[in-house]
């Protein structure tokens, strides 16, 4: 009787079929059309408000005029003259700050002596507005590219450190004990358990670090840069040219969206195990 019951139950259960994920709200799906729709609505409202005079042209330019300004920048070649130096500065400064931040943050999360020595220093540096240090960096590294790289590197370093050692701390200790029970070495536990488990938190911190890097990029380019988005915005603001000013802000927004998309692609590549 028991054998017959177990045979029938095994027929009813398809063990090869994956169990569907039913936790609503825990597996969000991207609705890209929604963001495009909201963006279209906002731009349409602004365009109609400025054309009708509800919003003064001295306060806010027409979005169509801003678009024409960006097209003129593209056709004249000035767009790339300003954009490429900014991207290069952001890449170099962010690579320096983020790579060092991940390294130091991982060491803080793994070693007690390093944690005890460096966490107070990081806590003291983190609240300091990095823009306030720009004159000091100009004195140290000159008004050229060195001060800009250093400012962006420091601005991306501190949030990356905090996010990294926080992510390492939040790795499930049960997984580490399981690895120890299977006889894994210390390096294997770090490489196969700690770093993969901390990677979601590290990548989340990466978004914040790069956003801060873009802000500091603009601030650095407003001081002693001939070309760059920050220099372009500063020049447009000094001339009270709202179309050019908002064109520069729009280019910065597109740069931020591009960085966010690249981080999302990186997350999909690295965090395949979460799906």
C-alpha atoms as a PDB file:
ATOM      1  CA  UNK A   1       0.000   0.000   0.000  1.00  0.00           C
ATOM      2  CA  UNK A   2       2.784   2.428   0.917  1.00  0.00           C
ATOM      3  CA  UNK A   3       4.721   1.560  -2.239  1.00  0.00           C
ATOM      4  CA  UNK A   4       1.623   2.270  -4.350  1.00  0.00           C
ATOM      5  CA  UNK A   5       1.130   5.615  -2.598  1.00  0.00           C
ATOM      6  CA  UNK A   6       4.748   6.644  -3.095  1.00  0.00           C
ATOM      7  CA  UNK A   7       4.572   5.646  -6.771  1.00  0.00           C
ATOM      8  CA  UNK A   8       1.430   7.736  -7.342  1.00  0.00           C
ATOM      9  CA  UNK A   9       2.874  10.698  -5.500  1.00  0.00           C
ATOM     10  CA  UNK A  10       6.062  10.572  -7.581  1.00  0.00           C
ATOM     11  CA  UNK A  11       3.957  10.658 -10.737  1.00  0.00           C
ATOM     12  CA  UNK A  12       2.095  13.722  -9.523  1.00  0.00           C
ATOM     13  CA  UNK A  13       5.314  15.578  -8.659  1.00  0.00           C
ATOM     14  CA  UNK A  14       7.398  16.760 -11.588  1.00  0.00           C
ATOM     15  CA  UNK A  15      10.751  17.226  -9.907  1.00  0.00           C
ATOM     16  CA  UNK A  16      12.393  18.611 -13.038  1.00  0.00           C
ATOM     17  CA  UNK A  17       9.920  21.492 -13.298  1.00  0.00           C
ATOM     18  CA  UNK A  18      11.196  24.680 -11.562  1.00  0.00           C
ATOM     19  CA  UNK A  19       9.019  26.150  -8.850  1.00  0.00           C
ATOM     20  CA  UNK A  20       7.657  29.536 -10.023  1.00  0.00           C
ATOM     21  CA  UNK A  21       8.564  32.600  -7.977  1.00  0.00           C
ATOM     22  CA  UNK A  22       5.323  33.945  -6.506  1.00  0.00           C
ATOM     23  CA  UNK A  23       6.618  36.659  -4.164  1.00  0.00           C
ATOM     24  CA  UNK A  24       4.941  39.700  -5.686  1.00  0.00           C
ATOM     25  CA  UNK A  25       6.908  42.885  -5.176  1.00  0.00           C
ATOM     26  CA  UNK A  26      10.224  41.052  -4.727  1.00  0.00           C
ATOM     27  CA  UNK A  27      10.920  40.561  -8.424  1.00  0.00           C
ATOM     28  CA  UNK A  28      10.307  43.971 -10.013  1.00  0.00           C
ATOM     29  CA  UNK A  29       9.991  44.184 -13.778  1.00  0.00           C
ATOM     30  CA  UNK A  30      11.195  47.194 -15.717  1.00  0.00           C
ATOM     31  CA  UNK A  31       8.444  49.098 -17.516  1.00  0.00           C
ATOM     32  CA  UNK A  32      10.555  51.288 -19.801  1.00  0.00           C
ATOM     33  CA  UNK A  33       7.570  52.733 -21.603  1.00  0.00           C
ATOM     34  CA  UNK A  34       6.389  54.266 -18.317  1.00  0.00           C
ATOM     35  CA  UNK A  35       9.521  56.388 -17.928  1.00  0.00           C
ATOM     36  CA  UNK A  36       9.302  57.529 -21.554  1.00  0.00           C
ATOM     37  CA  UNK A  37       5.643  58.417 -21.072  1.00  0.00           C
ATOM     38  CA  UNK A  38       6.276  60.478 -17.930  1.00  0.00           C
ATOM     39  CA  UNK A  39       9.216  62.240 -19.596  1.00  0.00           C
ATOM     40  CA  UNK A  40       7.048  63.080 -22.613  1.00  0.00           C
ATOM     41  CA  UNK A  41       4.298  64.463 -20.361  1.00  0.00           C
ATOM     42  CA  UNK A  42       6.733  66.687 -18.433  1.00  0.00           C
ATOM     43  CA  UNK A  43       8.354  68.060 -21.585  1.00  0.00           C
ATOM     44  CA  UNK A  44       4.946  68.695 -23.173  1.00  0.00           C
ATOM     45  CA  UNK A  45       3.727  70.592 -20.094  1.00  0.00           C
ATOM     46  CA  UNK A  46       6.879  72.728 -20.020  1.00  0.00           C
ATOM     47  CA  UNK A  47       6.682  73.452 -23.743  1.00  0.00           C
ATOM     48  CA  UNK A  48       3.031  74.501 -23.584  1.00  0.00           C
ATOM     49  CA  UNK A  49       3.620  76.580 -20.454  1.00  0.00           C
ATOM     50  CA  UNK A  50       6.503  78.527 -21.982  1.00  0.00           C
ATOM     51  CA  UNK A  51       4.782  79.010 -25.352  1.00  0.00           C
ATOM     52  CA  UNK A  52       1.575  80.281 -23.722  1.00  0.00           C
ATOM     53  CA  UNK A  53       3.510  82.646 -21.443  1.00  0.00           C
ATOM     54  CA  UNK A  54       2.435  80.915 -18.250  1.00  0.00           C
ATOM     55  CA  UNK A  55       6.146  80.501 -17.524  1.00  0.00           C
ATOM     56  CA  UNK A  56       8.352  83.442 -18.457  1.00  0.00           C
ATOM     57  CA  UNK A  57      11.080  82.852 -21.020  1.00  0.00           C
ATOM     58  CA  UNK A  58      13.417  84.730 -18.655  1.00  0.00           C
ATOM     59  CA  UNK A  59      12.879  81.980 -16.093  1.00  0.00           C
ATOM     60  CA  UNK A  60      12.755  78.818 -18.180  1.00  0.00           C
ATOM     61  CA  UNK A  61      13.562  78.362 -21.888  1.00  0.00           C
ATOM     62  CA  UNK A  62      11.399  76.334 -24.202  1.00  0.00           C
ATOM     63  CA  UNK A  63      12.475  72.665 -24.348  1.00  0.00           C
ATOM     64  CA  UNK A  64      12.411  72.915 -28.161  1.00  0.00           C
ATOM     65  CA  UNK A  65      14.951  75.776 -28.013  1.00  0.00           C
ATOM     66  CA  UNK A  66      17.170  73.696 -25.722  1.00  0.00           C
ATOM     67  CA  UNK A  67      16.977  70.824 -28.209  1.00  0.00           C
ATOM     68  CA  UNK A  68      17.929  73.156 -31.067  1.00  0.00           C
ATOM     69  CA  UNK A  69      20.914  74.384 -29.026  1.00  0.00           C
ATOM     70  CA  UNK A  70      22.102  70.799 -28.459  1.00  0.00           C
ATOM     71  CA  UNK A  71      21.740  70.057 -32.186  1.00  0.00           C
ATOM     72  CA  UNK A  72      23.777  73.184 -33.012  1.00  0.00           C
ATOM     73  CA  UNK A  73      26.434  72.064 -30.536  1.00  0.00           C
ATOM     74  CA  UNK A  74      26.575  68.677 -32.229  1.00  0.00           C
ATOM     75  CA  UNK A  75      26.780  70.095 -35.727  1.00  0.00           C
ATOM     76  CA  UNK A  76      29.481  72.601 -34.812  1.00  0.00           C
ATOM     77  CA  UNK A  77      31.608  69.939 -33.110  1.00  0.00           C
ATOM     78  CA  UNK A  78      31.678  71.832 -29.806  1.00  0.00           C
ATOM     79  CA  UNK A  79      29.649  69.079 -28.131  1.00  0.00           C
ATOM     80  CA  UNK A  80      32.478  66.567 -28.431  1.00  0.00           C
ATOM     81  CA  UNK A  81      35.111  69.174 -27.517  1.00  0.00           C
ATOM     82  CA  UNK A  82      33.342  69.636 -24.185  1.00  0.00           C
ATOM     83  CA  UNK A  83      32.049  66.099 -23.667  1.00  0.00           C
ATOM     84  CA  UNK A  84      35.168  64.014 -24.307  1.00  0.00           C
ATOM     85  CA  UNK A  85      37.398  65.806 -21.729  1.00  0.00           C
ATOM     86  CA  UNK A  86      34.631  65.471 -19.135  1.00  0.00           C
ATOM     87  CA  UNK A  87      34.189  61.742 -19.798  1.00  0.00           C
ATOM     88  CA  UNK A  88      37.963  61.192 -19.660  1.00  0.00           C
ATOM     89  CA  UNK A  89      38.250  63.036 -16.343  1.00  0.00           C
ATOM     90  CA  UNK A  90      35.327  61.103 -14.897  1.00  0.00           C
ATOM     91  CA  UNK A  91      36.724  57.744 -16.028  1.00  0.00           C
ATOM     92  CA  UNK A  92      40.250  58.323 -14.710  1.00  0.00           C
ATOM     93  CA  UNK A  93      39.157  59.850 -11.403  1.00  0.00           C
ATOM     94  CA  UNK A  94      36.422  57.273 -10.801  1.00  0.00           C
ATOM     95  CA  UNK A  95      38.681  54.320 -11.619  1.00  0.00           C
ATOM     96  CA  UNK A  96      41.271  55.578  -9.134  1.00  0.00           C
ATOM     97  CA  UNK A  97      38.758  56.265  -6.370  1.00  0.00           C
ATOM     98  CA  UNK A  98      36.497  53.224  -6.827  1.00  0.00           C
ATOM     99  CA  UNK A  99      39.275  50.647  -7.227  1.00  0.00           C
ATOM    100  CA  UNK A 100      41.045  51.937  -4.130  1.00  0.00           C
ATOM    101  CA  UNK A 101      37.730  52.196  -2.277  1.00  0.00           C
ATOM    102  CA  UNK A 102      36.738  48.584  -3.008  1.00  0.00           C
ATOM    103  CA  UNK A 103      40.185  47.370  -1.950  1.00  0.00           C
ATOM    104  CA  UNK A 104      40.267  49.322   1.309  1.00  0.00           C
ATOM    105  CA  UNK A 105      36.614  48.547   2.062  1.00  0.00           C
ATOM    106  CA  UNK A 106      37.175  44.812   1.582  1.00  0.00           C
ATOM    107  CA  UNK A 107      40.220  44.875   3.853  1.00  0.00           C
ATOM    108  CA  UNK A 108      38.236  46.758   6.517  1.00  0.00           C
ATOM    109  CA  UNK A 109      35.474  44.178   6.318  1.00  0.00           C
ATOM    110  CA  UNK A 110      37.866  41.232   6.612  1.00  0.00           C
ATOM    111  CA  UNK A 111      40.518  42.309   9.135  1.00  0.00           C
ATOM    112  CA  UNK A 112      39.793  43.642  12.611  1.00  0.00           C
ATOM    113  CA  UNK A 113      43.038  45.592  13.004  1.00  0.00           C
ATOM    114  CA  UNK A 114      42.553  47.399   9.690  1.00  0.00           C
ATOM    115  CA  UNK A 115      38.941  48.119  10.644  1.00  0.00           C
ATOM    116  CA  UNK A 116      39.957  49.574  13.994  1.00  0.00           C
ATOM    117  CA  UNK A 117      42.605  51.760  12.395  1.00  0.00           C
ATOM    118  CA  UNK A 118      40.857  53.029   9.268  1.00  0.00           C
ATOM    119  CA  UNK A 119      37.151  53.278  10.106  1.00  0.00           C
ATOM    120  CA  UNK A 120      37.629  56.380  12.322  1.00  0.00           C
ATOM    121  CA  UNK A 121      39.673  58.030   9.550  1.00  0.00           C
ATOM    122  CA  UNK A 122      37.027  57.230   6.910  1.00  0.00           C
ATOM    123  CA  UNK A 123      34.304  58.481   9.280  1.00  0.00           C
ATOM    124  CA  UNK A 124      36.213  61.766   9.678  1.00  0.00           C
ATOM    125  CA  UNK A 125      36.779  62.256   5.925  1.00  0.00           C
ATOM    126  CA  UNK A 126      33.361  61.158   4.678  1.00  0.00           C
ATOM    127  CA  UNK A 127      31.257  64.153   5.902  1.00  0.00           C
ATOM    128  CA  UNK A 128      33.680  66.756   4.516  1.00  0.00           C
ATOM    129  CA  UNK A 129      32.243  68.439   1.391  1.00  0.00           C
ATOM    130  CA  UNK A 130      34.766  67.466  -1.253  1.00  0.00           C
ATOM    131  CA  UNK A 131      34.102  70.637  -3.244  1.00  0.00           C
ATOM    132  CA  UNK A 132      35.525  72.594  -0.291  1.00  0.00           C
ATOM    133  CA  UNK A 133      38.842  70.794  -0.821  1.00  0.00           C
ATOM    134  CA  UNK A 134      39.171  71.887  -4.446  1.00  0.00           C
ATOM    135  CA  UNK A 135      41.294  74.999  -3.650  1.00  0.00           C
ATOM    136  CA  UNK A 136      43.598  72.797  -1.581  1.00  0.00           C
ATOM    137  CA  UNK A 137      43.952  70.315  -4.452  1.00  0.00           C
ATOM    138  CA  UNK A 138      44.749  73.206  -6.797  1.00  0.00           C
ATOM    139  CA  UNK A 139      47.579  74.218  -4.457  1.00  0.00           C
ATOM    140  CA  UNK A 140      48.842  70.628  -4.255  1.00  0.00           C
ATOM    141  CA  UNK A 141      48.380  69.421  -7.838  1.00  0.00           C
ATOM    142  CA  UNK A 142      48.101  72.648  -9.828  1.00  0.00           C
ATOM    143  CA  UNK A 143      45.205  74.051 -11.798  1.00  0.00           C
ATOM    144  CA  UNK A 144      45.567  71.399 -14.516  1.00  0.00           C
ATOM    145  CA  UNK A 145      44.166  67.885 -14.763  1.00  0.00           C
ATOM    146  CA  UNK A 146      45.793  66.562 -11.577  1.00  0.00           C
ATOM    147  CA  UNK A 147      43.537  68.514  -9.221  1.00  0.00           C
ATOM    148  CA  UNK A 148      40.431  67.390 -11.134  1.00  0.00           C
ATOM    149  CA  UNK A 149      41.435  63.720 -11.020  1.00  0.00           C
ATOM    150  CA  UNK A 150      42.231  63.975  -7.310  1.00  0.00           C
ATOM    151  CA  UNK A 151      38.895  65.623  -6.454  1.00  0.00           C
ATOM    152  CA  UNK A 152      36.855  63.029  -8.359  1.00  0.00           C
ATOM    153  CA  UNK A 153      38.954  60.184  -6.938  1.00  0.00           C
ATOM    154  CA  UNK A 154      38.441  61.355  -3.349  1.00  0.00           C
ATOM    155  CA  UNK A 155      34.722  61.959  -3.942  1.00  0.00           C
ATOM    156  CA  UNK A 156      34.190  58.428  -5.261  1.00  0.00           C
ATOM    157  CA  UNK A 157      36.585  56.802  -2.785  1.00  0.00           C
ATOM    158  CA  UNK A 158      34.794  57.488   0.506  1.00  0.00           C
ATOM    159  CA  UNK A 159      31.266  56.295  -0.411  1.00  0.00           C
ATOM    160  CA  UNK A 160      32.754  53.225  -2.095  1.00  0.00           C
ATOM    161  CA  UNK A 161      34.673  52.328   1.067  1.00  0.00           C
ATOM    162  CA  UNK A 162      31.587  52.693   3.251  1.00  0.00           C
ATOM    163  CA  UNK A 163      29.395  50.689   0.857  1.00  0.00           C
ATOM    164  CA  UNK A 164      32.010  47.948   0.465  1.00  0.00           C
ATOM    165  CA  UNK A 165      32.778  47.201   4.080  1.00  0.00           C
ATOM    166  CA  UNK A 166      29.084  47.470   4.926  1.00  0.00           C
ATOM    167  CA  UNK A 167      28.322  44.914   2.198  1.00  0.00           C
ATOM    168  CA  UNK A 168      31.062  42.593   3.471  1.00  0.00           C
ATOM    169  CA  UNK A 169      29.656  42.853   6.993  1.00  0.00           C
ATOM    170  CA  UNK A 170      26.185  41.913   5.747  1.00  0.00           C
ATOM    171  CA  UNK A 171      27.257  38.652   4.117  1.00  0.00           C
ATOM    172  CA  UNK A 172      25.353  35.782   5.729  1.00  0.00           C
ATOM    173  CA  UNK A 173      27.625  34.217   8.360  1.00  0.00           C
ATOM    174  CA  UNK A 174      25.822  30.899   7.902  1.00  0.00           C
ATOM    175  CA  UNK A 175      27.305  30.632   4.417  1.00  0.00           C
ATOM    176  CA  UNK A 176      30.777  31.309   5.787  1.00  0.00           C
ATOM    177  CA  UNK A 177      30.377  28.622   8.464  1.00  0.00           C
ATOM    178  CA  UNK A 178      29.101  26.233   5.811  1.00  0.00           C
ATOM    179  CA  UNK A 179      32.202  26.877   3.732  1.00  0.00           C
ATOM    180  CA  UNK A 180      34.392  26.243   6.758  1.00  0.00           C
ATOM    181  CA  UNK A 181      32.555  22.991   7.472  1.00  0.00           C
ATOM    182  CA  UNK A 182      33.329  21.845   3.923  1.00  0.00           C
ATOM    183  CA  UNK A 183      37.007  22.535   4.508  1.00  0.00           C
ATOM    184  CA  UNK A 184      37.367  25.570   2.217  1.00  0.00           C
ATOM    185  CA  UNK A 185      40.464  27.671   2.709  1.00  0.00           C
ATOM    186  CA  UNK A 186      40.302  31.293   3.834  1.00  0.00           C
ATOM    187  CA  UNK A 187      40.987  32.560   0.313  1.00  0.00           C
ATOM    188  CA  UNK A 188      38.332  30.266  -1.153  1.00  0.00           C
ATOM    189  CA  UNK A 189      35.749  31.530   1.343  1.00  0.00           C
ATOM    190  CA  UNK A 190      36.573  35.142   0.494  1.00  0.00           C
ATOM    191  CA  UNK A 191      36.575  34.519  -3.266  1.00  0.00           C
ATOM    192  CA  UNK A 192      33.572  32.180  -3.494  1.00  0.00           C
ATOM    193  CA  UNK A 193      31.336  33.375  -0.642  1.00  0.00           C
ATOM    194  CA  UNK A 194      32.225  36.793   0.763  1.00  0.00           C
ATOM    195  CA  UNK A 195      32.872  38.738  -2.446  1.00  0.00           C
ATOM    196  CA  UNK A 196      29.850  37.357  -4.382  1.00  0.00           C
ATOM    197  CA  UNK A 197      27.631  37.945  -1.351  1.00  0.00           C
ATOM    198  CA  UNK A 198      28.893  41.515  -0.972  1.00  0.00           C
ATOM    199  CA  UNK A 199      28.712  42.372  -4.661  1.00  0.00           C
ATOM    200  CA  UNK A 200      25.063  43.638  -4.660  1.00  0.00           C
ATOM    201  CA  UNK A 201      25.902  46.157  -1.940  1.00  0.00           C
ATOM    202  CA  UNK A 202      29.129  47.170  -3.676  1.00  0.00           C
ATOM    203  CA  UNK A 203      27.340  47.811  -6.971  1.00  0.00           C
ATOM    204  CA  UNK A 204      24.649  49.814  -5.198  1.00  0.00           C
ATOM    205  CA  UNK A 205      27.373  51.968  -3.690  1.00  0.00           C
ATOM    206  CA  UNK A 206      28.915  52.279  -7.153  1.00  0.00           C
ATOM    207  CA  UNK A 207      25.831  54.130  -8.385  1.00  0.00           C
ATOM    208  CA  UNK A 208      26.120  56.670  -5.573  1.00  0.00           C
ATOM    209  CA  UNK A 209      29.870  57.072  -6.075  1.00  0.00           C
ATOM    210  CA  UNK A 210      29.551  57.761  -9.801  1.00  0.00           C
ATOM    211  CA  UNK A 211      26.739  60.267  -9.214  1.00  0.00           C
ATOM    212  CA  UNK A 212      28.969  62.102  -6.742  1.00  0.00           C
ATOM    213  CA  UNK A 213      31.803  61.879  -9.275  1.00  0.00           C
ATOM    214  CA  UNK A 214      29.694  63.680 -11.909  1.00  0.00           C
ATOM    215  CA  UNK A 215      28.824  66.446  -9.427  1.00  0.00           C
ATOM    216  CA  UNK A 216      32.473  66.958  -8.524  1.00  0.00           C
ATOM    217  CA  UNK A 217      33.445  66.809 -12.194  1.00  0.00           C
ATOM    218  CA  UNK A 218      31.289  69.855 -12.917  1.00  0.00           C
ATOM    219  CA  UNK A 219      32.669  71.701  -9.897  1.00  0.00           C
ATOM    220  CA  UNK A 220      36.264  70.960 -10.902  1.00  0.00           C
ATOM    221  CA  UNK A 221      35.704  72.051 -14.502  1.00  0.00           C
ATOM    222  CA  UNK A 222      34.253  75.350 -13.373  1.00  0.00           C
ATOM    223  CA  UNK A 223      37.700  76.199 -12.024  1.00  0.00           C
ATOM    224  CA  UNK A 224      40.401  76.491 -14.634  1.00  0.00           C
ATOM    225  CA  UNK A 225      39.105  74.309 -17.461  1.00  0.00           C
ATOM    226  CA  UNK A 226      38.895  75.508 -21.062  1.00  0.00           C
ATOM    227  CA  UNK A 227      36.749  72.603 -22.227  1.00  0.00           C
ATOM    228  CA  UNK A 228      34.292  70.439 -20.325  1.00  0.00           C
ATOM    229  CA  UNK A 229      30.593  70.401 -19.507  1.00  0.00           C
ATOM    230  CA  UNK A 230      31.217  72.324 -16.282  1.00  0.00           C
ATOM    231  CA  UNK A 231      33.160  75.023 -18.139  1.00  0.00           C
ATOM    232  CA  UNK A 232      30.388  75.231 -20.738  1.00  0.00           C
ATOM    233  CA  UNK A 233      27.696  75.650 -18.062  1.00  0.00           C
ATOM    234  CA  UNK A 234      29.768  78.288 -16.250  1.00  0.00           C
ATOM    235  CA  UNK A 235      30.234  80.284 -19.444  1.00  0.00           C
ATOM    236  CA  UNK A 236      26.528  80.059 -20.314  1.00  0.00           C
ATOM    237  CA  UNK A 237      25.556  81.128 -16.786  1.00  0.00           C
ATOM    238  CA  UNK A 238      27.884  84.136 -16.831  1.00  0.00           C
ATOM    239  CA  UNK A 239      26.269  85.275 -20.103  1.00  0.00           C
ATOM    240  CA  UNK A 240      22.762  84.481 -18.791  1.00  0.00           C
ATOM    241  CA  UNK A 241      22.194  82.298 -21.849  1.00  0.00           C
ATOM    242  CA  UNK A 242      19.427  80.013 -20.565  1.00  0.00           C
ATOM    243  CA  UNK A 243      19.261  77.866 -23.691  1.00  0.00           C
ATOM    244  CA  UNK A 244      22.952  76.982 -23.466  1.00  0.00           C
ATOM    245  CA  UNK A 245      22.742  76.626 -19.683  1.00  0.00           C
ATOM    246  CA  UNK A 246      19.886  74.120 -19.865  1.00  0.00           C
ATOM    247  CA  UNK A 247      21.568  72.384 -22.799  1.00  0.00           C
ATOM    248  CA  UNK A 248      24.583  71.756 -20.564  1.00  0.00           C
ATOM    249  CA  UNK A 249      22.367  70.511 -17.743  1.00  0.00           C
ATOM    250  CA  UNK A 250      20.566  68.209 -20.185  1.00  0.00           C
ATOM    251  CA  UNK A 251      23.884  66.783 -21.394  1.00  0.00           C
ATOM    252  CA  UNK A 252      24.823  66.108 -17.765  1.00  0.00           C
ATOM    253  CA  UNK A 253      21.500  64.332 -17.232  1.00  0.00           C
ATOM    254  CA  UNK A 254      22.114  62.169 -20.299  1.00  0.00           C
ATOM    255  CA  UNK A 255      25.596  61.387 -18.977  1.00  0.00           C
ATOM    256  CA  UNK A 256      24.115  60.348 -15.624  1.00  0.00           C
ATOM    257  CA  UNK A 257      21.508  58.142 -17.324  1.00  0.00           C
ATOM    258  CA  UNK A 258      24.227  56.524 -19.436  1.00  0.00           C
ATOM    259  CA  UNK A 259      26.311  55.775 -16.350  1.00  0.00           C
ATOM    260  CA  UNK A 260      23.272  54.263 -14.627  1.00  0.00           C
ATOM    261  CA  UNK A 261      22.564  52.051 -17.647  1.00  0.00           C
ATOM    262  CA  UNK A 262      26.180  50.855 -17.716  1.00  0.00           C
ATOM    263  CA  UNK A 263      26.013  49.968 -14.012  1.00  0.00           C
ATOM    264  CA  UNK A 264      22.755  48.080 -14.633  1.00  0.00           C
ATOM    265  CA  UNK A 265      24.416  46.088 -17.425  1.00  0.00           C
ATOM    266  CA  UNK A 266      27.323  45.338 -15.095  1.00  0.00           C
ATOM    267  CA  UNK A 267      24.883  44.145 -12.437  1.00  0.00           C
ATOM    268  CA  UNK A 268      23.198  41.813 -14.900  1.00  0.00           C
ATOM    269  CA  UNK A 269      26.558  40.322 -15.876  1.00  0.00           C
ATOM    270  CA  UNK A 270      27.952  39.916 -12.358  1.00  0.00           C
ATOM    271  CA  UNK A 271      24.776  39.067 -10.454  1.00  0.00           C
ATOM    272  CA  UNK A 272      23.406  36.327 -12.699  1.00  0.00           C
ATOM    273  CA  UNK A 273      23.217  34.025  -9.679  1.00  0.00           C
ATOM    274  CA  UNK A 274      20.379  36.128  -8.207  1.00  0.00           C
ATOM    275  CA  UNK A 275      17.963  35.351 -11.062  1.00  0.00           C
END
